[in-house]
Amino acid sequence: MLLNRFAVVLFTLAALGSALPASAAALPQASPRLYLTTELLAPSSMMENGRVVGIATDKVREAMRRAGVDYRIDVLPWKRAYHAALTRPDACVYSTTRTPEREALFKWVGPTDIAQWVLLGRADRKLQLRSLDDARGLRIGTYKGDAREAWLRSRGFTIDSTSNDWSNLPKLMAGRIDLWAAAMRSESSVLARLGFEKQVVPLLVFKEIGVYLACNRAVPDELVTRLNASFEAMARDGTGRRIERSYEGWEPGGKPASPGKP
C-alpha cells in the first residue's frame, strides 16, 4: 500500500512538473520506477533460476536500461497482470496484443514482438482449414482474458476457455477441444522441444498482430516516448534480433501438463 501511494506521488509530480514554480522545478527529481507485470508464456517470458527471462522480457529489460528507468517485474496470471496495468498508475503489462478495443486503455511501447495467431489441431484428425470460416462449429481452446478469445468470441466462434494457455494442449490431445488458438512465432520450435511436433500441427495462421508493453494512462508521456525511442534504436542496431536469436536453442525447463491431465 505504501509503495502504491509513493508511486502515485511520483507520477503526479512528473505529470505536473511544468506547472511547478521555478524553485520547485529545480529540485532533484526521483528516478522513475515502473511496476511491470507479465505471464509465464515461454519463450517470451519464463522463470529461470528465480529470474524472469525470455525474448520479450530481455527486450523490455534492455529498453528500460537504455531509457534509464528503474523497474520491478512480477509474473502473474494474465488477468491479474492485465488488471494491474489498468489500475496502477505506475504499471505496464507485456506482451499485450494491441487491438482497437484496447487502444484507448493504455499508452503503448514497442512492439515487443509480432505474434501469429494460429489454429493448431491433432495431426491424426487430418483437419483441413482453408479459411477461418472452416473452423465454425469446431470447439476452439483459448484462455480467459486473452485477446484471441475476445476476437474469436465476438465473431461467433465456439470457444472453450481455460485459465492457462498450456492447458489447451492436454485438452486437445484428449479430444475435449478440436482446435487450439495459440500465439506463436512462425519459426517457433516450442512444440518440437516439448515432443509434440508430430502430434500437434499448425492448420491455419488467421492473424498477425503486434504485441506491446501496455502502460497505464497515468505513466508520463515523456517516459513512454523515451521507451519507444529505445525500442526503435534496438530495431535499428539489431539488438532485438540478437535477443531473438539467443533463444533459438532454448530448452524448456519443464513441460506443461501431460496429455489427459489438464
C-alpha atoms as a PDB file:
ATOM      1  CA  MET A   1       0.000   0.000   0.000  1.00  0.00           C
ATOM      2  CA  LEU A   2       2.836   2.382   0.874  1.00  0.00           C
ATOM      3  CA  LEU A   3       4.513   1.597  -2.457  1.00  0.00           C
ATOM      4  CA  ASN A   4       1.261   2.399  -4.309  1.00  0.00           C
ATOM      5  CA  ARG A   5       0.924   5.800  -2.596  1.00  0.00           C
ATOM      6  CA  PHE A   6       4.572   6.600  -3.250  1.00  0.00           C
ATOM      7  CA  ALA A   7       4.197   5.710  -6.934  1.00  0.00           C
ATOM      8  CA  VAL A   8       1.099   7.929  -7.258  1.00  0.00           C
ATOM      9  CA  VAL A   9       3.029  10.883  -5.812  1.00  0.00           C
ATOM     10  CA  LEU A  10       5.960  10.343  -8.169  1.00  0.00           C
ATOM     11  CA  PHE A  11       3.814  10.143 -11.284  1.00  0.00           C
ATOM     12  CA  THR A  12       1.643  13.111 -10.277  1.00  0.00           C
ATOM     13  CA  LEU A  13       4.748  15.266  -9.796  1.00  0.00           C
ATOM     14  CA  ALA A  14       6.142  14.110 -13.122  1.00  0.00           C
ATOM     15  CA  ALA A  15       2.914  14.965 -14.925  1.00  0.00           C
ATOM     16  CA  LEU A  16       2.588  18.409 -13.305  1.00  0.00           C
ATOM     17  CA  GLY A  17       6.280  19.309 -13.301  1.00  0.00           C
ATOM     18  CA  SER A  18       5.876  22.004 -15.940  1.00  0.00           C
ATOM     19  CA  ALA A  19       3.338  23.825 -13.756  1.00  0.00           C
ATOM     20  CA  LEU A  20       5.570  23.990 -10.651  1.00  0.00           C
ATOM     21  CA  PRO A  21       7.328  27.207  -9.668  1.00  0.00           C
ATOM     22  CA  ALA A  22      10.881  27.504 -10.957  1.00  0.00           C
ATOM     23  CA  SER A  23      12.331  26.951  -7.495  1.00  0.00           C
ATOM     24  CA  ALA A  24      10.371  23.714  -7.054  1.00  0.00           C
ATOM     25  CA  ALA A  25      11.097  22.513 -10.578  1.00  0.00           C
ATOM     26  CA  ALA A  26      14.792  22.928  -9.896  1.00  0.00           C
ATOM     27  CA  LEU A  27      14.718  20.396  -7.055  1.00  0.00           C
ATOM     28  CA  PRO A  28      16.299  16.988  -7.820  1.00  0.00           C
ATOM     29  CA  GLN A  29      13.718  14.566  -9.214  1.00  0.00           C
ATOM     30  CA  ALA A  30      13.461  10.936  -8.154  1.00  0.00           C
ATOM     31  CA  SER A  31      14.338   8.386 -10.824  1.00  0.00           C
ATOM     32  CA  PRO A  32      11.190   6.997 -12.479  1.00  0.00           C
ATOM     33  CA  ARG A  33      10.197   3.486 -11.434  1.00  0.00           C
ATOM     34  CA  LEU A  34       7.740   1.208 -13.181  1.00  0.00           C
ATOM     35  CA  TYR A  35       5.921  -1.877 -11.971  1.00  0.00           C
ATOM     36  CA  LEU A  36       5.948  -4.395 -14.833  1.00  0.00           C
ATOM     37  CA  THR A  37       3.749  -7.481 -14.992  1.00  0.00           C
ATOM     38  CA  THR A  38       3.790 -10.437 -17.339  1.00  0.00           C
ATOM     39  CA  GLU A  39       2.641 -14.052 -17.539  1.00  0.00           C
ATOM     40  CA  LEU A  40       4.523 -17.305 -17.935  1.00  0.00           C
ATOM     41  CA  LEU A  41       4.482 -17.845 -21.687  1.00  0.00           C
ATOM     42  CA  ALA A  42       7.725 -19.359 -22.980  1.00  0.00           C
ATOM     43  CA  PRO A  43       9.837 -18.318 -24.736  1.00  0.00           C
ATOM     44  CA  SER A  44       8.505 -14.766 -24.346  1.00  0.00           C
ATOM     45  CA  SER A  45       8.557 -14.717 -20.544  1.00  0.00           C
ATOM     46  CA  MET A  46       9.553 -17.515 -18.187  1.00  0.00           C
ATOM     47  CA  MET A  47      11.331 -18.164 -14.905  1.00  0.00           C
ATOM     48  CA  GLU A  48      14.891 -19.474 -14.800  1.00  0.00           C
ATOM     49  CA  ASN A  49      16.822 -19.637 -11.534  1.00  0.00           C
ATOM     50  CA  GLY A  50      14.329 -17.327  -9.870  1.00  0.00           C
ATOM     51  CA  ARG A  51      14.626 -14.596 -12.545  1.00  0.00           C
ATOM     52  CA  VAL A  52      12.206 -13.603 -15.288  1.00  0.00           C
ATOM     53  CA  VAL A  53      13.799 -14.104 -18.716  1.00  0.00           C
ATOM     54  CA  GLY A  54      12.637 -14.631 -22.291  1.00  0.00           C
ATOM     55  CA  ILE A  55      12.541 -12.881 -25.643  1.00  0.00           C
ATOM     56  CA  ALA A  56      10.066 -10.142 -24.702  1.00  0.00           C
ATOM     57  CA  THR A  57      11.468  -9.846 -21.187  1.00  0.00           C
ATOM     58  CA  ASP A  58      15.029  -9.306 -22.385  1.00  0.00           C
ATOM     59  CA  LYS A  59      13.850  -6.684 -24.875  1.00  0.00           C
ATOM     60  CA  VAL A  60      11.905  -4.884 -22.150  1.00  0.00           C
ATOM     61  CA  ARG A  61      14.888  -5.007 -19.773  1.00  0.00           C
ATOM     62  CA  GLU A  62      17.175  -3.545 -22.439  1.00  0.00           C
ATOM     63  CA  ALA A  63      14.692  -0.765 -23.241  1.00  0.00           C
ATOM     64  CA  MET A  64      14.460   0.117 -19.541  1.00  0.00           C
ATOM     65  CA  ARG A  65      18.254   0.192 -19.264  1.00  0.00           C
ATOM     66  CA  ARG A  66      18.629   2.487 -22.269  1.00  0.00           C
ATOM     67  CA  ALA A  67      15.891   4.812 -21.046  1.00  0.00           C
ATOM     68  CA  GLY A  68      17.329   4.949 -17.515  1.00  0.00           C
ATOM     69  CA  VAL A  69      14.158   3.598 -15.918  1.00  0.00           C
ATOM     70  CA  ASP A  70      14.129   1.613 -12.687  1.00  0.00           C
ATOM     71  CA  TYR A  71      11.602  -1.207 -12.603  1.00  0.00           C
ATOM     72  CA  ARG A  72      10.343  -4.375 -10.991  1.00  0.00           C
ATOM     73  CA  ILE A  73       8.871  -7.382 -12.836  1.00  0.00           C
ATOM     74  CA  ASP A  74       6.230  -9.681 -11.357  1.00  0.00           C
ATOM     75  CA  VAL A  75       4.923 -12.843 -13.036  1.00  0.00           C
ATOM     76  CA  LEU A  76       1.169 -13.185 -12.509  1.00  0.00           C
ATOM     77  CA  PRO A  77      -1.802 -14.979 -14.060  1.00  0.00           C
ATOM     78  CA  TRP A  78      -2.718 -12.999 -17.170  1.00  0.00           C
ATOM     79  CA  LYS A  79      -5.951 -11.465 -15.850  1.00  0.00           C
ATOM     80  CA  ARG A  80      -4.174 -10.153 -12.734  1.00  0.00           C
ATOM     81  CA  ALA A  81      -1.215  -8.906 -14.756  1.00  0.00           C
ATOM     82  CA  TYR A  82      -3.524  -7.068 -17.153  1.00  0.00           C
ATOM     83  CA  HIS A  83      -5.676  -5.667 -14.328  1.00  0.00           C
ATOM     84  CA  ALA A  84      -2.607  -4.258 -12.573  1.00  0.00           C
ATOM     85  CA  ALA A  85      -1.693  -2.220 -15.658  1.00  0.00           C
ATOM     86  CA  LEU A  86      -5.264  -0.950 -15.917  1.00  0.00           C
ATOM     87  CA  THR A  87      -5.459   0.177 -12.301  1.00  0.00           C
ATOM     88  CA  ARG A  88      -1.951   1.038 -11.022  1.00  0.00           C
ATOM     89  CA  PRO A  89      -0.611   4.421 -12.174  1.00  0.00           C
ATOM     90  CA  ASP A  90       2.964   3.093 -12.307  1.00  0.00           C
ATOM     91  CA  ALA A  91       2.234  -0.223 -14.043  1.00  0.00           C
ATOM     92  CA  CYS A  92       2.751  -1.734 -17.509  1.00  0.00           C
ATOM     93  CA  VAL A  93       1.987  -5.251 -18.768  1.00  0.00           C
ATOM     94  CA  TYR A  94       3.584  -7.283 -21.547  1.00  0.00           C
ATOM     95  CA  SER A  95       3.234  -8.788 -24.033  1.00  0.00           C
ATOM     96  CA  THR A  96      -0.177  -7.243 -24.720  1.00  0.00           C
ATOM     97  CA  THR A  97      -1.963  -7.546 -28.040  1.00  0.00           C
ATOM     98  CA  ARG A  98      -2.757  -4.080 -29.396  1.00  0.00           C
ATOM     99  CA  THR A  99      -6.354  -4.179 -30.574  1.00  0.00           C
ATOM    100  CA  PRO A 100      -8.781  -1.343 -31.426  1.00  0.00           C
ATOM    101  CA  GLU A 101     -10.800  -2.221 -28.316  1.00  0.00           C
ATOM    102  CA  ARG A 102      -7.747  -1.727 -26.094  1.00  0.00           C
ATOM    103  CA  GLU A 103      -6.182   1.236 -27.882  1.00  0.00           C
ATOM    104  CA  ALA A 104      -7.534   3.953 -25.571  1.00  0.00           C
ATOM    105  CA  LEU A 105      -6.982   1.940 -22.376  1.00  0.00           C
ATOM    106  CA  PHE A 106      -3.180   2.188 -22.370  1.00  0.00           C
ATOM    107  CA  LYS A 107      -0.133   4.021 -23.567  1.00  0.00           C
ATOM    108  CA  TRP A 108       1.806   1.702 -25.881  1.00  0.00           C
ATOM    109  CA  VAL A 109       5.521   0.882 -26.014  1.00  0.00           C
ATOM    110  CA  GLY A 110       7.124  -1.388 -28.577  1.00  0.00           C
ATOM    111  CA  PRO A 111       6.221  -3.634 -30.236  1.00  0.00           C
ATOM    112  CA  THR A 112       7.999  -6.299 -28.230  1.00  0.00           C
ATOM    113  CA  ASP A 113       7.202  -8.822 -30.971  1.00  0.00           C
ATOM    114  CA  ILE A 114       4.886  -9.667 -33.869  1.00  0.00           C
ATOM    115  CA  ALA A 115       2.618 -12.559 -32.960  1.00  0.00           C
ATOM    116  CA  GLN A 116       0.954 -15.007 -35.311  1.00  0.00           C
ATOM    117  CA  TRP A 117      -2.422 -16.292 -34.224  1.00  0.00           C
ATOM    118  CA  VAL A 118      -2.576 -19.882 -35.387  1.00  0.00           C
ATOM    119  CA  LEU A 119      -5.108 -22.684 -35.104  1.00  0.00           C
ATOM    120  CA  LEU A 120      -3.429 -25.922 -34.029  1.00  0.00           C
ATOM    121  CA  GLY A 121      -5.006 -29.348 -34.326  1.00  0.00           C
ATOM    122  CA  ARG A 122      -4.217 -33.006 -33.759  1.00  0.00           C
ATOM    123  CA  ALA A 123      -2.300 -34.497 -36.655  1.00  0.00           C
ATOM    124  CA  ASP A 124      -4.278 -37.750 -36.587  1.00  0.00           C
ATOM    125  CA  ARG A 125      -7.584 -35.957 -37.221  1.00  0.00           C
ATOM    126  CA  LYS A 126      -6.334 -34.590 -40.555  1.00  0.00           C
ATOM    127  CA  LEU A 127      -8.499 -31.468 -40.364  1.00  0.00           C
ATOM    128  CA  GLN A 128      -8.106 -29.070 -43.276  1.00  0.00           C
ATOM    129  CA  LEU A 129      -8.770 -25.350 -42.861  1.00  0.00           C
ATOM    130  CA  ARG A 130      -8.666 -23.200 -45.965  1.00  0.00           C
ATOM    131  CA  SER A 131     -10.031 -20.163 -44.128  1.00  0.00           C
ATOM    132  CA  LEU A 132     -11.170 -19.232 -40.646  1.00  0.00           C
ATOM    133  CA  ASP A 133     -14.781 -19.910 -41.610  1.00  0.00           C
ATOM    134  CA  ASP A 134     -13.896 -23.605 -41.921  1.00  0.00           C
ATOM    135  CA  ALA A 135     -13.427 -23.612 -38.135  1.00  0.00           C
ATOM    136  CA  ARG A 136     -17.040 -22.636 -37.430  1.00  0.00           C
ATOM    137  CA  GLY A 137     -18.784 -25.259 -35.335  1.00  0.00           C
ATOM    138  CA  LEU A 138     -15.494 -26.656 -34.037  1.00  0.00           C
ATOM    139  CA  ARG A 139     -14.547 -26.220 -30.367  1.00  0.00           C
ATOM    140  CA  ILE A 140     -11.626 -23.790 -30.132  1.00  0.00           C
ATOM    141  CA  GLY A 141      -9.487 -23.714 -26.998  1.00  0.00           C
ATOM    142  CA  THR A 142      -8.435 -20.273 -25.722  1.00  0.00           C
ATOM    143  CA  TYR A 143      -7.694 -18.821 -22.311  1.00  0.00           C
ATOM    144  CA  LYS A 144      -9.537 -16.291 -20.190  1.00  0.00           C
ATOM    145  CA  GLY A 145      -8.782 -12.632 -20.724  1.00  0.00           C
ATOM    146  CA  ASP A 146      -6.721 -13.195 -23.872  1.00  0.00           C
ATOM    147  CA  ALA A 147      -7.241 -11.083 -26.996  1.00  0.00           C
ATOM    148  CA  ARG A 148      -7.652 -14.197 -29.177  1.00  0.00           C
ATOM    149  CA  GLU A 149     -10.555 -15.334 -27.026  1.00  0.00           C
ATOM    150  CA  ALA A 150     -12.344 -11.973 -27.307  1.00  0.00           C
ATOM    151  CA  TRP A 151     -11.631 -11.709 -31.042  1.00  0.00           C
ATOM    152  CA  LEU A 152     -12.968 -15.174 -31.867  1.00  0.00           C
ATOM    153  CA  ARG A 153     -15.926 -14.961 -29.492  1.00  0.00           C
ATOM    154  CA  SER A 154     -17.023 -11.628 -30.979  1.00  0.00           C
ATOM    155  CA  ARG A 155     -17.138 -13.314 -34.386  1.00  0.00           C
ATOM    156  CA  GLY A 156     -19.379 -16.123 -33.243  1.00  0.00           C
ATOM    157  CA  PHE A 157     -16.914 -18.988 -32.925  1.00  0.00           C
ATOM    158  CA  THR A 158     -17.402 -21.786 -30.388  1.00  0.00           C
ATOM    159  CA  ILE A 159     -14.955 -21.079 -27.559  1.00  0.00           C
ATOM    160  CA  ASP A 160     -13.811 -23.374 -24.757  1.00  0.00           C
ATOM    161  CA  SER A 161     -11.798 -21.191 -22.388  1.00  0.00           C
ATOM    162  CA  THR A 162      -9.308 -22.166 -19.692  1.00  0.00           C
ATOM    163  CA  SER A 163      -7.279 -20.245 -17.117  1.00  0.00           C
ATOM    164  CA  ASN A 164      -3.896 -21.251 -18.578  1.00  0.00           C
ATOM    165  CA  ASP A 165      -2.987 -21.332 -22.249  1.00  0.00           C
ATOM    166  CA  TRP A 166      -0.879 -24.502 -21.986  1.00  0.00           C
ATOM    167  CA  SER A 167      -3.878 -26.345 -20.513  1.00  0.00           C
ATOM    168  CA  ASN A 168      -5.194 -26.392 -24.067  1.00  0.00           C
ATOM    169  CA  LEU A 169      -2.525 -28.907 -25.095  1.00  0.00           C
ATOM    170  CA  PRO A 170      -3.795 -31.808 -22.948  1.00  0.00           C
ATOM    171  CA  LYS A 171      -7.383 -30.791 -23.753  1.00  0.00           C
ATOM    172  CA  LEU A 172      -6.584 -31.022 -27.463  1.00  0.00           C
ATOM    173  CA  MET A 173      -4.901 -34.400 -27.093  1.00  0.00           C
ATOM    174  CA  ALA A 174      -7.824 -35.727 -25.045  1.00  0.00           C
ATOM    175  CA  GLY A 175     -10.352 -34.603 -27.680  1.00  0.00           C
ATOM    176  CA  ARG A 176     -12.042 -32.096 -25.379  1.00  0.00           C
ATOM    177  CA  ILE A 177     -11.391 -29.347 -27.935  1.00  0.00           C
ATOM    178  CA  ASP A 178     -10.978 -29.587 -31.709  1.00  0.00           C
ATOM    179  CA  LEU A 179      -8.542 -26.701 -32.167  1.00  0.00           C
ATOM    180  CA  TRP A 180      -6.203 -24.597 -30.074  1.00  0.00           C
ATOM    181  CA  ALA A 181      -5.930 -20.884 -30.887  1.00  0.00           C
ATOM    182  CA  ALA A 182      -2.300 -20.190 -29.984  1.00  0.00           C
ATOM    183  CA  ALA A 183       0.066 -17.268 -30.470  1.00  0.00           C
ATOM    184  CA  MET A 184       3.396 -18.463 -31.819  1.00  0.00           C
ATOM    185  CA  ARG A 185       6.269 -17.093 -33.832  1.00  0.00           C
ATOM    186  CA  SER A 186       6.393 -18.639 -37.313  1.00  0.00           C
ATOM    187  CA  GLU A 187       9.817 -20.164 -36.593  1.00  0.00           C
ATOM    188  CA  SER A 188       8.861 -21.383 -33.115  1.00  0.00           C
ATOM    189  CA  SER A 189      10.156 -24.815 -32.168  1.00  0.00           C
ATOM    190  CA  VAL A 190       8.305 -24.998 -28.850  1.00  0.00           C
ATOM    191  CA  LEU A 191       6.106 -27.936 -29.869  1.00  0.00           C
ATOM    192  CA  ALA A 192       9.120 -29.854 -31.139  1.00  0.00           C
ATOM    193  CA  ARG A 193      11.046 -29.201 -27.957  1.00  0.00           C
ATOM    194  CA  LEU A 194       8.096 -30.430 -25.920  1.00  0.00           C
ATOM    195  CA  GLY A 195       7.895 -33.599 -28.017  1.00  0.00           C
ATOM    196  CA  PHE A 196       4.553 -32.849 -29.710  1.00  0.00           C
ATOM    197  CA  GLU A 197       5.657 -31.795 -33.203  1.00  0.00           C
ATOM    198  CA  LYS A 198       4.249 -34.980 -34.777  1.00  0.00           C
ATOM    199  CA  GLN A 199       1.045 -34.979 -32.743  1.00  0.00           C
ATOM    200  CA  VAL A 200       0.040 -31.313 -32.969  1.00  0.00           C
ATOM    201  CA  VAL A 201       0.245 -29.390 -36.243  1.00  0.00           C
ATOM    202  CA  PRO A 202      -0.482 -25.810 -37.371  1.00  0.00           C
ATOM    203  CA  LEU A 203      -3.569 -25.702 -39.584  1.00  0.00           C
ATOM    204  CA  LEU A 204      -4.149 -22.010 -40.242  1.00  0.00           C
ATOM    205  CA  VAL A 205      -2.500 -18.679 -39.416  1.00  0.00           C
ATOM    206  CA  PHE A 206      -5.531 -16.443 -39.105  1.00  0.00           C
ATOM    207  CA  LYS A 207      -4.000 -13.160 -37.937  1.00  0.00           C
ATOM    208  CA  GLU A 208      -0.685 -11.372 -37.446  1.00  0.00           C
ATOM    209  CA  ILE A 209      -0.616  -8.644 -34.840  1.00  0.00           C
ATOM    210  CA  GLY A 210       1.846  -6.635 -32.778  1.00  0.00           C
ATOM    211  CA  VAL A 211       2.272  -7.259 -29.060  1.00  0.00           C
ATOM    212  CA  TYR A 212       3.432  -4.455 -26.789  1.00  0.00           C
ATOM    213  CA  LEU A 213       4.308  -3.179 -23.360  1.00  0.00           C
ATOM    214  CA  ALA A 214       0.959  -1.603 -22.396  1.00  0.00           C
ATOM    215  CA  CYS A 215       1.277   1.142 -19.775  1.00  0.00           C
ATOM    216  CA  ASN A 216      -1.306   2.718 -17.507  1.00  0.00           C
ATOM    217  CA  ARG A 217      -2.635   6.039 -18.812  1.00  0.00           C
ATOM    218  CA  ALA A 218      -1.008   7.811 -15.829  1.00  0.00           C
ATOM    219  CA  VAL A 219       2.513   6.918 -16.943  1.00  0.00           C
ATOM    220  CA  PRO A 220       4.016  10.210 -18.196  1.00  0.00           C
ATOM    221  CA  ASP A 221       4.146  10.750 -21.956  1.00  0.00           C
ATOM    222  CA  GLU A 222       7.818  11.714 -21.723  1.00  0.00           C
ATOM    223  CA  LEU A 223       8.654   8.329 -20.226  1.00  0.00           C
ATOM    224  CA  VAL A 224       6.652   6.469 -22.880  1.00  0.00           C
ATOM    225  CA  THR A 225       8.435   8.471 -25.592  1.00  0.00           C
ATOM    226  CA  ARG A 226      11.849   7.558 -24.164  1.00  0.00           C
ATOM    227  CA  LEU A 227      10.957   3.876 -24.009  1.00  0.00           C
ATOM    228  CA  ASN A 228       9.629   3.871 -27.563  1.00  0.00           C
ATOM    229  CA  ALA A 229      12.847   5.558 -28.691  1.00  0.00           C
ATOM    230  CA  SER A 230      14.783   2.735 -27.006  1.00  0.00           C
ATOM    231  CA  PHE A 231      12.798   0.100 -28.909  1.00  0.00           C
ATOM    232  CA  GLU A 232      13.340   1.956 -32.187  1.00  0.00           C
ATOM    233  CA  ALA A 233      17.078   2.131 -31.528  1.00  0.00           C
ATOM    234  CA  MET A 234      17.158  -1.597 -30.687  1.00  0.00           C
ATOM    235  CA  ALA A 235      15.473  -2.339 -34.017  1.00  0.00           C
ATOM    236  CA  ARG A 236      17.970  -0.186 -35.902  1.00  0.00           C
ATOM    237  CA  ASP A 237      21.103  -1.587 -34.281  1.00  0.00           C
ATOM    238  CA  GLY A 238      19.967  -5.224 -34.400  1.00  0.00           C
ATOM    239  CA  THR A 239      19.691  -5.745 -30.633  1.00  0.00           C
ATOM    240  CA  GLY A 240      16.130  -7.051 -30.880  1.00  0.00           C
ATOM    241  CA  ARG A 241      17.063  -9.666 -33.449  1.00  0.00           C
ATOM    242  CA  ARG A 242      20.124 -10.702 -31.426  1.00  0.00           C
ATOM    243  CA  ILE A 243      17.911 -11.284 -28.401  1.00  0.00           C
ATOM    244  CA  GLU A 244      15.565 -13.424 -30.516  1.00  0.00           C
ATOM    245  CA  ARG A 245      18.465 -15.485 -31.865  1.00  0.00           C
ATOM    246  CA  SER A 246      19.809 -16.056 -28.358  1.00  0.00           C
ATOM    247  CA  TYR A 247      16.707 -18.145 -27.584  1.00  0.00           C
ATOM    248  CA  GLU A 248      16.801 -20.303 -30.712  1.00  0.00           C
ATOM    249  CA  GLY A 249      18.468 -23.079 -28.725  1.00  0.00           C
ATOM    250  CA  TRP A 250      16.227 -22.638 -25.700  1.00  0.00           C
ATOM    251  CA  GLU A 251      15.233 -25.821 -23.903  1.00  0.00           C
ATOM    252  CA  PRO A 252      12.161 -25.728 -21.648  1.00  0.00           C
ATOM    253  CA  GLY A 253      12.917 -26.306 -18.002  1.00  0.00           C
ATOM    254  CA  GLY A 254       9.612 -28.099 -17.542  1.00  0.00           C
ATOM    255  CA  LYS A 255       6.834 -29.358 -19.758  1.00  0.00           C
ATOM    256  CA  PRO A 256       3.175 -28.380 -19.468  1.00  0.00           C
ATOM    257  CA  ALA A 257       0.755 -30.856 -18.004  1.00  0.00           C
ATOM    258  CA  SER A 258       0.841 -34.274 -19.682  1.00  0.00           C
ATOM    259  CA  PRO A 259      -1.998 -35.075 -22.120  1.00  0.00           C
ATOM    260  CA  GLY A 260      -5.046 -36.233 -20.215  1.00  0.00           C
ATOM    261  CA  LYS A 261      -4.008 -34.291 -17.091  1.00  0.00           C
ATOM    262  CA  PRO A 262      -5.273 -30.737 -17.636  1.00  0.00           C
END
